[in-house]
Amino acid sequence: MVKFFALFVLFVATSFGAESVTVPTVNLSLSAPDTPQQLVSSLNVLLVLTLLFLAPSMVMVMTTFTRFVIVFGFLRQALGTQQVPPTQVLVLLAMILTFFVMEPVGTKAYEQGIKPYVEEKIGYEEAFEKTTLPFKNFMIRNTREKDLALFLRIREMENPQTVADVPLSVVIPAFVISELKTAFEIGFLIFLPFLVIDMVVASILMSMGMMMLPPVMISLPFKILIFVLIDGWNLLIGNLIASIK
């Protein structure tokens, strides 16, 4: 798992425009560093390892991954196909779509914050602010005002004037619950047509006196057939991405 995330970080850095990736050496001894540059390299390694450890959590709470994976879960339940598609496939599909949607945001964050910091043009604090600002703008665009106001009220903070005035500790939870609400709304709309098919099949079986035959066994092929005929994956993914601001 650690190797996977290490390769993922290198791939993202390369995709976002990094021309070269330099991996500094790590000294695990307890002696003091010989030069300030060695101390900076050690701190950079510590920062990268920390981000590597937090990467899965950051993907879930700062991107559209939550929306995608919940909607795909609702779709599988609505179809009634049990473990088809497998959970691993749905999670990987959600990750791929998340990378596709978030690539412009990540590129902007790299150009504004990470690249100047690597070139030693700005410091840690300024790099952090400029790197997180594109993600903060994205999250606020996709967050309901009611959810944002909830956490501002809990923190007893005044209404912010700009995006920079809203702390990440407020934006992230507001964004997460907004994504959950949106995902459940989309899931409800997905369930409706398949529920109608189940009800129609159950009514027909009852009228024929076939009480012991499970309606799910009869409705499942029809639901799969209809989903394929309307090109369901194309429609679902297209509307999911279109719903993101």
C-alpha atoms as a PDB file:
ATOM      1  CA  MET A   1       0.000   0.000   0.000  1.00  0.00           C
ATOM      2  CA  VAL A   2       2.837   2.411   0.839  1.00  0.00           C
ATOM      3  CA  LYS A   3       4.494   1.716  -2.514  1.00  0.00           C
ATOM      4  CA  PHE A   4       1.179   2.380  -4.269  1.00  0.00           C
ATOM      5  CA  PHE A   5       0.746   5.797  -2.672  1.00  0.00           C
ATOM      6  CA  ALA A   6       4.395   6.665  -3.305  1.00  0.00           C
ATOM      7  CA  LEU A   7       3.939   5.917  -7.002  1.00  0.00           C
ATOM      8  CA  PHE A   8       0.662   7.866  -6.927  1.00  0.00           C
ATOM      9  CA  VAL A   9       2.387  10.970  -5.501  1.00  0.00           C
ATOM     10  CA  LEU A  10       5.155  10.778  -8.103  1.00  0.00           C
ATOM     11  CA  PHE A  11       2.583  10.339 -10.881  1.00  0.00           C
ATOM     12  CA  VAL A  12       0.550  13.333  -9.710  1.00  0.00           C
ATOM     13  CA  ALA A  13       3.654  15.487  -9.407  1.00  0.00           C
ATOM     14  CA  THR A  14       4.705  14.567 -12.939  1.00  0.00           C
ATOM     15  CA  SER A  15       1.201  15.107 -14.351  1.00  0.00           C
ATOM     16  CA  PHE A  16       0.915  18.516 -12.735  1.00  0.00           C
ATOM     17  CA  GLY A  17       4.018  19.740 -14.506  1.00  0.00           C
ATOM     18  CA  ALA A  18       6.963  18.732 -12.357  1.00  0.00           C
ATOM     19  CA  GLU A  19       9.946  18.458 -14.671  1.00  0.00           C
ATOM     20  CA  SER A  20      12.080  16.446 -12.264  1.00  0.00           C
ATOM     21  CA  VAL A  21      11.509  14.732  -8.952  1.00  0.00           C
ATOM     22  CA  THR A  22      14.476  14.723  -6.579  1.00  0.00           C
ATOM     23  CA  VAL A  23      14.346  12.328  -3.652  1.00  0.00           C
ATOM     24  CA  PRO A  24      16.709  13.494  -0.901  1.00  0.00           C
ATOM     25  CA  THR A  25      18.591  11.019   1.234  1.00  0.00           C
ATOM     26  CA  VAL A  26      17.245  10.216   4.688  1.00  0.00           C
ATOM     27  CA  ASN A  27      19.548  10.086   7.693  1.00  0.00           C
ATOM     28  CA  LEU A  28      17.991   8.262  10.638  1.00  0.00           C
ATOM     29  CA  SER A  29      20.811   9.081  13.058  1.00  0.00           C
ATOM     30  CA  LEU A  30      20.213  11.320  16.062  1.00  0.00           C
ATOM     31  CA  SER A  31      23.172  13.603  15.314  1.00  0.00           C
ATOM     32  CA  ALA A  32      22.670  17.223  14.401  1.00  0.00           C
ATOM     33  CA  PRO A  33      22.632  18.100  10.679  1.00  0.00           C
ATOM     34  CA  ASP A  34      25.900  19.329   9.263  1.00  0.00           C
ATOM     35  CA  THR A  35      24.422  22.079   7.087  1.00  0.00           C
ATOM     36  CA  PRO A  36      21.145  24.036   6.915  1.00  0.00           C
ATOM     37  CA  GLN A  37      20.487  22.457   3.512  1.00  0.00           C
ATOM     38  CA  GLN A  38      20.586  19.005   5.116  1.00  0.00           C
ATOM     39  CA  LEU A  39      18.042  20.138   7.713  1.00  0.00           C
ATOM     40  CA  VAL A  40      15.763  21.512   4.985  1.00  0.00           C
ATOM     41  CA  SER A  41      16.016  18.208   3.069  1.00  0.00           C
ATOM     42  CA  SER A  42      15.099  16.255   6.189  1.00  0.00           C
ATOM     43  CA  LEU A  43      12.125  18.526   6.839  1.00  0.00           C
ATOM     44  CA  ASN A  44      11.007  18.110   3.232  1.00  0.00           C
ATOM     45  CA  VAL A  45      11.147  14.318   3.593  1.00  0.00           C
ATOM     46  CA  LEU A  46       9.111  14.551   6.791  1.00  0.00           C
ATOM     47  CA  LEU A  47       6.548  16.770   5.043  1.00  0.00           C
ATOM     48  CA  VAL A  48       6.258  14.396   2.071  1.00  0.00           C
ATOM     49  CA  LEU A  49       5.815  11.374   4.344  1.00  0.00           C
ATOM     50  CA  THR A  50       3.131  13.223   6.322  1.00  0.00           C
ATOM     51  CA  LEU A  51       1.250  14.118   3.141  1.00  0.00           C
ATOM     52  CA  LEU A  52       1.661  10.534   1.946  1.00  0.00           C
ATOM     53  CA  PHE A  53       0.087   9.247   5.150  1.00  0.00           C
ATOM     54  CA  LEU A  54      -2.804  11.735   4.934  1.00  0.00           C
ATOM     55  CA  ALA A  55      -3.340  11.360   1.163  1.00  0.00           C
ATOM     56  CA  PRO A  56      -6.300   8.915   1.334  1.00  0.00           C
ATOM     57  CA  SER A  57      -8.131  11.111   3.842  1.00  0.00           C
ATOM     58  CA  MET A  58      -7.420  14.264   1.825  1.00  0.00           C
ATOM     59  CA  VAL A  59      -8.759  12.620  -1.344  1.00  0.00           C
ATOM     60  CA  MET A  60     -12.019  11.731   0.394  1.00  0.00           C
ATOM     61  CA  VAL A  61     -12.694  15.068   2.120  1.00  0.00           C
ATOM     62  CA  MET A  62     -11.293  17.633  -0.366  1.00  0.00           C
ATOM     63  CA  THR A  63     -12.387  16.196  -3.715  1.00  0.00           C
ATOM     64  CA  THR A  64     -15.465  14.772  -5.421  1.00  0.00           C
ATOM     65  CA  PHE A  65     -14.459  11.193  -4.590  1.00  0.00           C
ATOM     66  CA  THR A  66     -17.146  10.903  -1.907  1.00  0.00           C
ATOM     67  CA  ARG A  67     -19.911  11.895  -4.323  1.00  0.00           C
ATOM     68  CA  PHE A  68     -18.774   9.458  -7.008  1.00  0.00           C
ATOM     69  CA  VAL A  69     -18.321   6.408  -4.795  1.00  0.00           C
ATOM     70  CA  ILE A  70     -21.654   6.884  -2.977  1.00  0.00           C
ATOM     71  CA  VAL A  71     -23.589   7.309  -6.229  1.00  0.00           C
ATOM     72  CA  PHE A  72     -21.979   4.189  -7.684  1.00  0.00           C
ATOM     73  CA  GLY A  73     -22.941   2.297  -4.529  1.00  0.00           C
ATOM     74  CA  PHE A  74     -26.558   3.451  -4.894  1.00  0.00           C
ATOM     75  CA  LEU A  75     -26.547   2.387  -8.550  1.00  0.00           C
ATOM     76  CA  ARG A  76     -25.384  -1.122  -7.709  1.00  0.00           C
ATOM     77  CA  GLN A  77     -28.045  -1.488  -5.027  1.00  0.00           C
ATOM     78  CA  ALA A  78     -30.750  -0.134  -7.345  1.00  0.00           C
ATOM     79  CA  LEU A  79     -29.800  -2.630 -10.043  1.00  0.00           C
ATOM     80  CA  GLY A  80     -29.734  -5.420  -7.471  1.00  0.00           C
ATOM     81  CA  THR A  81     -26.602  -6.983  -8.950  1.00  0.00           C
ATOM     82  CA  GLN A  82     -25.068  -7.721  -5.528  1.00  0.00           C
ATOM     83  CA  GLN A  83     -21.279  -7.510  -6.045  1.00  0.00           C
ATOM     84  CA  VAL A  84     -21.292  -6.609  -9.744  1.00  0.00           C
ATOM     85  CA  PRO A  85     -19.452  -4.391 -10.539  1.00  0.00           C
ATOM     86  CA  PRO A  86     -16.998  -5.308  -7.753  1.00  0.00           C
ATOM     87  CA  THR A  87     -16.287  -2.738  -5.065  1.00  0.00           C
ATOM     88  CA  GLN A  88     -12.670  -2.420  -6.218  1.00  0.00           C
ATOM     89  CA  VAL A  89     -13.815  -1.482  -9.722  1.00  0.00           C
ATOM     90  CA  LEU A  90     -16.234   1.153  -8.427  1.00  0.00           C
ATOM     91  CA  VAL A  91     -13.592   2.664  -6.133  1.00  0.00           C
ATOM     92  CA  LEU A  92     -10.993   2.784  -8.925  1.00  0.00           C
ATOM     93  CA  LEU A  93     -13.547   4.327 -11.298  1.00  0.00           C
ATOM     94  CA  ALA A  94     -14.353   6.954  -8.663  1.00  0.00           C
ATOM     95  CA  MET A  95     -10.625   7.686  -8.246  1.00  0.00           C
ATOM     96  CA  ILE A  96     -10.102   8.034 -12.005  1.00  0.00           C
ATOM     97  CA  LEU A  97     -13.051  10.401 -12.349  1.00  0.00           C
ATOM     98  CA  THR A  98     -11.858  12.345  -9.304  1.00  0.00           C
ATOM     99  CA  PHE A  99      -8.423  12.798 -10.876  1.00  0.00           C
ATOM    100  CA  PHE A 100     -10.077  13.871 -14.140  1.00  0.00           C
ATOM    101  CA  VAL A 101     -12.223  16.490 -12.393  1.00  0.00           C
ATOM    102  CA  MET A 102      -9.543  17.728  -9.991  1.00  0.00           C
ATOM    103  CA  GLU A 103      -6.655  17.906 -12.483  1.00  0.00           C
ATOM    104  CA  PRO A 104      -7.185  21.612 -13.356  1.00  0.00           C
ATOM    105  CA  VAL A 105      -7.395  22.450  -9.645  1.00  0.00           C
ATOM    106  CA  GLY A 106      -4.244  20.455  -8.882  1.00  0.00           C
ATOM    107  CA  THR A 107      -2.373  22.049 -11.783  1.00  0.00           C
ATOM    108  CA  LYS A 108      -3.275  25.511 -10.558  1.00  0.00           C
ATOM    109  CA  ALA A 109      -2.226  24.632  -7.015  1.00  0.00           C
ATOM    110  CA  TYR A 110       1.099  23.331  -8.288  1.00  0.00           C
ATOM    111  CA  GLU A 111       1.806  26.405 -10.412  1.00  0.00           C
ATOM    112  CA  GLN A 112       0.873  28.840  -7.648  1.00  0.00           C
ATOM    113  CA  GLY A 113       2.300  27.173  -4.559  1.00  0.00           C
ATOM    114  CA  ILE A 114       4.391  24.046  -5.005  1.00  0.00           C
ATOM    115  CA  LYS A 115       6.515  25.135  -7.970  1.00  0.00           C
ATOM    116  CA  PRO A 116       7.582  28.502  -6.442  1.00  0.00           C
ATOM    117  CA  TYR A 117       8.388  26.727  -3.180  1.00  0.00           C
ATOM    118  CA  VAL A 118      10.530  24.101  -4.926  1.00  0.00           C
ATOM    119  CA  GLU A 119      12.336  26.927  -6.686  1.00  0.00           C
ATOM    120  CA  GLU A 120      12.854  28.546  -3.240  1.00  0.00           C
ATOM    121  CA  LYS A 121      10.961  31.688  -4.215  1.00  0.00           C
ATOM    122  CA  ILE A 122       8.469  31.532  -1.335  1.00  0.00           C
ATOM    123  CA  GLY A 123       8.389  30.060   2.163  1.00  0.00           C
ATOM    124  CA  TYR A 124       6.358  27.308   3.815  1.00  0.00           C
ATOM    125  CA  GLU A 125       3.444  29.458   4.972  1.00  0.00           C
ATOM    126  CA  GLU A 126       2.953  31.291   1.688  1.00  0.00           C
ATOM    127  CA  ALA A 127       3.308  28.041  -0.275  1.00  0.00           C
ATOM    128  CA  PHE A 128       0.673  26.382   1.901  1.00  0.00           C
ATOM    129  CA  GLU A 129      -1.784  29.264   1.449  1.00  0.00           C
ATOM    130  CA  LYS A 130      -1.300  29.438  -2.319  1.00  0.00           C
ATOM    131  CA  THR A 131      -1.483  25.673  -2.728  1.00  0.00           C
ATOM    132  CA  THR A 132      -4.685  25.253  -0.739  1.00  0.00           C
ATOM    133  CA  LEU A 133      -6.437  28.312  -2.215  1.00  0.00           C
ATOM    134  CA  PRO A 134      -7.530  26.591  -5.501  1.00  0.00           C
ATOM    135  CA  PHE A 135      -8.877  23.633  -3.512  1.00  0.00           C
ATOM    136  CA  LYS A 136     -10.631  26.005  -1.133  1.00  0.00           C
ATOM    137  CA  ASN A 137     -12.251  27.853  -4.060  1.00  0.00           C
ATOM    138  CA  PHE A 138     -13.391  24.535  -5.544  1.00  0.00           C
ATOM    139  CA  MET A 139     -14.856  23.297  -2.281  1.00  0.00           C
ATOM    140  CA  ILE A 140     -16.702  26.554  -1.586  1.00  0.00           C
ATOM    141  CA  ARG A 141     -18.229  26.546  -5.093  1.00  0.00           C
ATOM    142  CA  ASN A 142     -19.649  23.093  -4.397  1.00  0.00           C
ATOM    143  CA  THR A 143     -20.742  23.795  -0.819  1.00  0.00           C
ATOM    144  CA  ARG A 144     -24.200  24.972   0.143  1.00  0.00           C
ATOM    145  CA  GLU A 145     -24.347  28.291   1.962  1.00  0.00           C
ATOM    146  CA  LYS A 146     -26.462  26.667   4.669  1.00  0.00           C
ATOM    147  CA  ASP A 147     -23.751  24.112   5.446  1.00  0.00           C
ATOM    148  CA  LEU A 148     -21.004  26.728   5.436  1.00  0.00           C
ATOM    149  CA  ALA A 149     -23.051  28.982   7.715  1.00  0.00           C
ATOM    150  CA  LEU A 150     -23.599  26.068  10.106  1.00  0.00           C
ATOM    151  CA  PHE A 151     -19.909  25.638  10.873  1.00  0.00           C
ATOM    152  CA  LEU A 152     -19.285  29.378  10.935  1.00  0.00           C
ATOM    153  CA  ARG A 153     -22.045  29.657  13.523  1.00  0.00           C
ATOM    154  CA  ILE A 154     -20.601  26.775  15.551  1.00  0.00           C
ATOM    155  CA  ARG A 155     -17.222  28.502  15.559  1.00  0.00           C
ATOM    156  CA  GLU A 156     -18.941  31.823  16.369  1.00  0.00           C
ATOM    157  CA  MET A 157     -17.177  33.493  13.459  1.00  0.00           C
ATOM    158  CA  GLU A 158     -18.306  36.539  11.521  1.00  0.00           C
ATOM    159  CA  ASN A 159     -19.339  36.266   7.898  1.00  0.00           C
ATOM    160  CA  PRO A 160     -16.153  36.145   5.789  1.00  0.00           C
ATOM    161  CA  GLN A 161     -15.596  38.783   3.141  1.00  0.00           C
ATOM    162  CA  THR A 162     -13.354  36.711   0.857  1.00  0.00           C
ATOM    163  CA  VAL A 163     -12.548  33.070   0.278  1.00  0.00           C
ATOM    164  CA  ALA A 164      -9.176  33.537   1.957  1.00  0.00           C
ATOM    165  CA  ASP A 165     -10.968  34.542   5.165  1.00  0.00           C
ATOM    166  CA  VAL A 166     -12.660  31.129   5.467  1.00  0.00           C
ATOM    167  CA  PRO A 167     -10.408  28.628   7.299  1.00  0.00           C
ATOM    168  CA  LEU A 168      -9.985  25.107   6.003  1.00  0.00           C
ATOM    169  CA  SER A 169     -11.311  23.774   9.305  1.00  0.00           C
ATOM    170  CA  VAL A 170     -14.686  25.271   8.320  1.00  0.00           C
ATOM    171  CA  VAL A 171     -14.624  24.655   4.571  1.00  0.00           C
ATOM    172  CA  ILE A 172     -13.789  20.927   4.708  1.00  0.00           C
ATOM    173  CA  PRO A 173     -16.635  19.701   6.988  1.00  0.00           C
ATOM    174  CA  ALA A 174     -19.141  21.948   5.200  1.00  0.00           C
ATOM    175  CA  PHE A 175     -17.991  20.571   1.848  1.00  0.00           C
ATOM    176  CA  VAL A 176     -18.234  16.953   3.063  1.00  0.00           C
ATOM    177  CA  ILE A 177     -21.837  17.191   4.275  1.00  0.00           C
ATOM    178  CA  SER A 178     -22.798  19.056   1.093  1.00  0.00           C
ATOM    179  CA  GLU A 179     -21.292  16.236  -0.969  1.00  0.00           C
ATOM    180  CA  LEU A 180     -23.173  13.674   1.106  1.00  0.00           C
ATOM    181  CA  LYS A 181     -26.477  15.469   0.547  1.00  0.00           C
ATOM    182  CA  THR A 182     -25.834  15.790  -3.196  1.00  0.00           C
ATOM    183  CA  ALA A 183     -24.854  12.130  -3.477  1.00  0.00           C
ATOM    184  CA  PHE A 184     -28.001  10.998  -1.655  1.00  0.00           C
ATOM    185  CA  GLU A 185     -30.177  13.207  -3.866  1.00  0.00           C
ATOM    186  CA  ILE A 186     -28.653  11.682  -7.002  1.00  0.00           C
ATOM    187  CA  GLY A 187     -28.980   8.206  -5.493  1.00  0.00           C
ATOM    188  CA  PHE A 188     -32.684   8.783  -4.851  1.00  0.00           C
ATOM    189  CA  LEU A 189     -33.217   9.790  -8.488  1.00  0.00           C
ATOM    190  CA  ILE A 190     -31.350   6.673  -9.620  1.00  0.00           C
ATOM    191  CA  PHE A 191     -33.471   4.411  -7.427  1.00  0.00           C
ATOM    192  CA  LEU A 192     -36.850   5.660  -8.701  1.00  0.00           C
ATOM    193  CA  PRO A 193     -36.972   4.092 -12.197  1.00  0.00           C
ATOM    194  CA  PHE A 194     -35.637   0.755 -10.953  1.00  0.00           C
ATOM    195  CA  LEU A 195     -38.150   0.786  -8.099  1.00  0.00           C
ATOM    196  CA  VAL A 196     -40.939   1.242 -10.620  1.00  0.00           C
ATOM    197  CA  ILE A 197     -39.697  -1.808 -12.552  1.00  0.00           C
ATOM    198  CA  ASP A 198     -39.658  -3.886  -9.348  1.00  0.00           C
ATOM    199  CA  MET A 199     -43.210  -2.793  -8.487  1.00  0.00           C
ATOM    200  CA  VAL A 200     -44.525  -3.587 -11.966  1.00  0.00           C
ATOM    201  CA  VAL A 201     -42.932  -7.046 -11.970  1.00  0.00           C
ATOM    202  CA  ALA A 202     -44.215  -7.761  -8.439  1.00  0.00           C
ATOM    203  CA  SER A 203     -47.755  -6.719  -9.444  1.00  0.00           C
ATOM    204  CA  ILE A 204     -47.684  -8.954 -12.514  1.00  0.00           C
ATOM    205  CA  LEU A 205     -46.473 -11.939 -10.503  1.00  0.00           C
ATOM    206  CA  MET A 206     -49.167 -11.399  -7.872  1.00  0.00           C
ATOM    207  CA  SER A 207     -51.874 -11.161 -10.526  1.00  0.00           C
ATOM    208  CA  MET A 208     -50.636 -14.464 -11.984  1.00  0.00           C
ATOM    209  CA  GLY A 209     -50.687 -16.103  -8.567  1.00  0.00           C
ATOM    210  CA  MET A 210     -46.951 -16.722  -8.511  1.00  0.00           C
ATOM    211  CA  MET A 211     -46.462 -15.693  -4.893  1.00  0.00           C
ATOM    212  CA  MET A 212     -43.438 -17.871  -4.196  1.00  0.00           C
ATOM    213  CA  LEU A 213     -41.315 -16.568  -7.066  1.00  0.00           C
ATOM    214  CA  PRO A 214     -39.067 -13.672  -5.924  1.00  0.00           C
ATOM    215  CA  PRO A 215     -39.807 -10.575  -8.054  1.00  0.00           C
ATOM    216  CA  VAL A 216     -36.118  -9.610  -7.951  1.00  0.00           C
ATOM    217  CA  MET A 217     -35.155 -12.648 -10.013  1.00  0.00           C
ATOM    218  CA  ILE A 218     -37.530 -11.586 -12.787  1.00  0.00           C
ATOM    219  CA  SER A 219     -36.907  -7.828 -12.656  1.00  0.00           C
ATOM    220  CA  LEU A 220     -33.086  -8.048 -12.588  1.00  0.00           C
ATOM    221  CA  PRO A 221     -32.639  -8.934 -16.294  1.00  0.00           C
ATOM    222  CA  PHE A 222     -35.075  -6.209 -17.305  1.00  0.00           C
ATOM    223  CA  LYS A 223     -33.281  -3.600 -15.203  1.00  0.00           C
ATOM    224  CA  ILE A 224     -29.918  -4.563 -16.687  1.00  0.00           C
ATOM    225  CA  LEU A 225     -31.365  -4.536 -20.209  1.00  0.00           C
ATOM    226  CA  ILE A 226     -32.917  -1.089 -19.782  1.00  0.00           C
ATOM    227  CA  PHE A 227     -29.739   0.298 -18.207  1.00  0.00           C
ATOM    228  CA  VAL A 228     -27.692  -0.963 -21.167  1.00  0.00           C
ATOM    229  CA  LEU A 229     -30.173   0.252 -23.790  1.00  0.00           C
ATOM    230  CA  ILE A 230     -30.197   3.821 -22.442  1.00  0.00           C
ATOM    231  CA  ASP A 231     -26.366   3.774 -22.165  1.00  0.00           C
ATOM    232  CA  GLY A 232     -26.624   4.248 -18.427  1.00  0.00           C
ATOM    233  CA  TRP A 233     -22.935   4.618 -17.619  1.00  0.00           C
ATOM    234  CA  ASN A 234     -22.543   7.379 -20.181  1.00  0.00           C
ATOM    235  CA  LEU A 235     -25.585   9.246 -18.884  1.00  0.00           C
ATOM    236  CA  LEU A 236     -24.675   8.797 -15.233  1.00  0.00           C
ATOM    237  CA  ILE A 237     -21.033   9.856 -15.492  1.00  0.00           C
ATOM    238  CA  GLY A 238     -21.861  12.733 -17.829  1.00  0.00           C
ATOM    239  CA  ASN A 239     -24.468  14.129 -15.451  1.00  0.00           C
ATOM    240  CA  LEU A 240     -22.254  13.531 -12.422  1.00  0.00           C
ATOM    241  CA  ILE A 241     -19.430  15.582 -13.890  1.00  0.00           C
ATOM    242  CA  ALA A 242     -21.888  18.225 -15.135  1.00  0.00           C
ATOM    243  CA  SER A 243     -23.217  18.599 -11.569  1.00  0.00           C
ATOM    244  CA  ILE A 244     -19.787  19.754 -10.354  1.00  0.00           C
ATOM    245  CA  LYS A 245     -19.271  23.501 -10.462  1.00  0.00           C
END
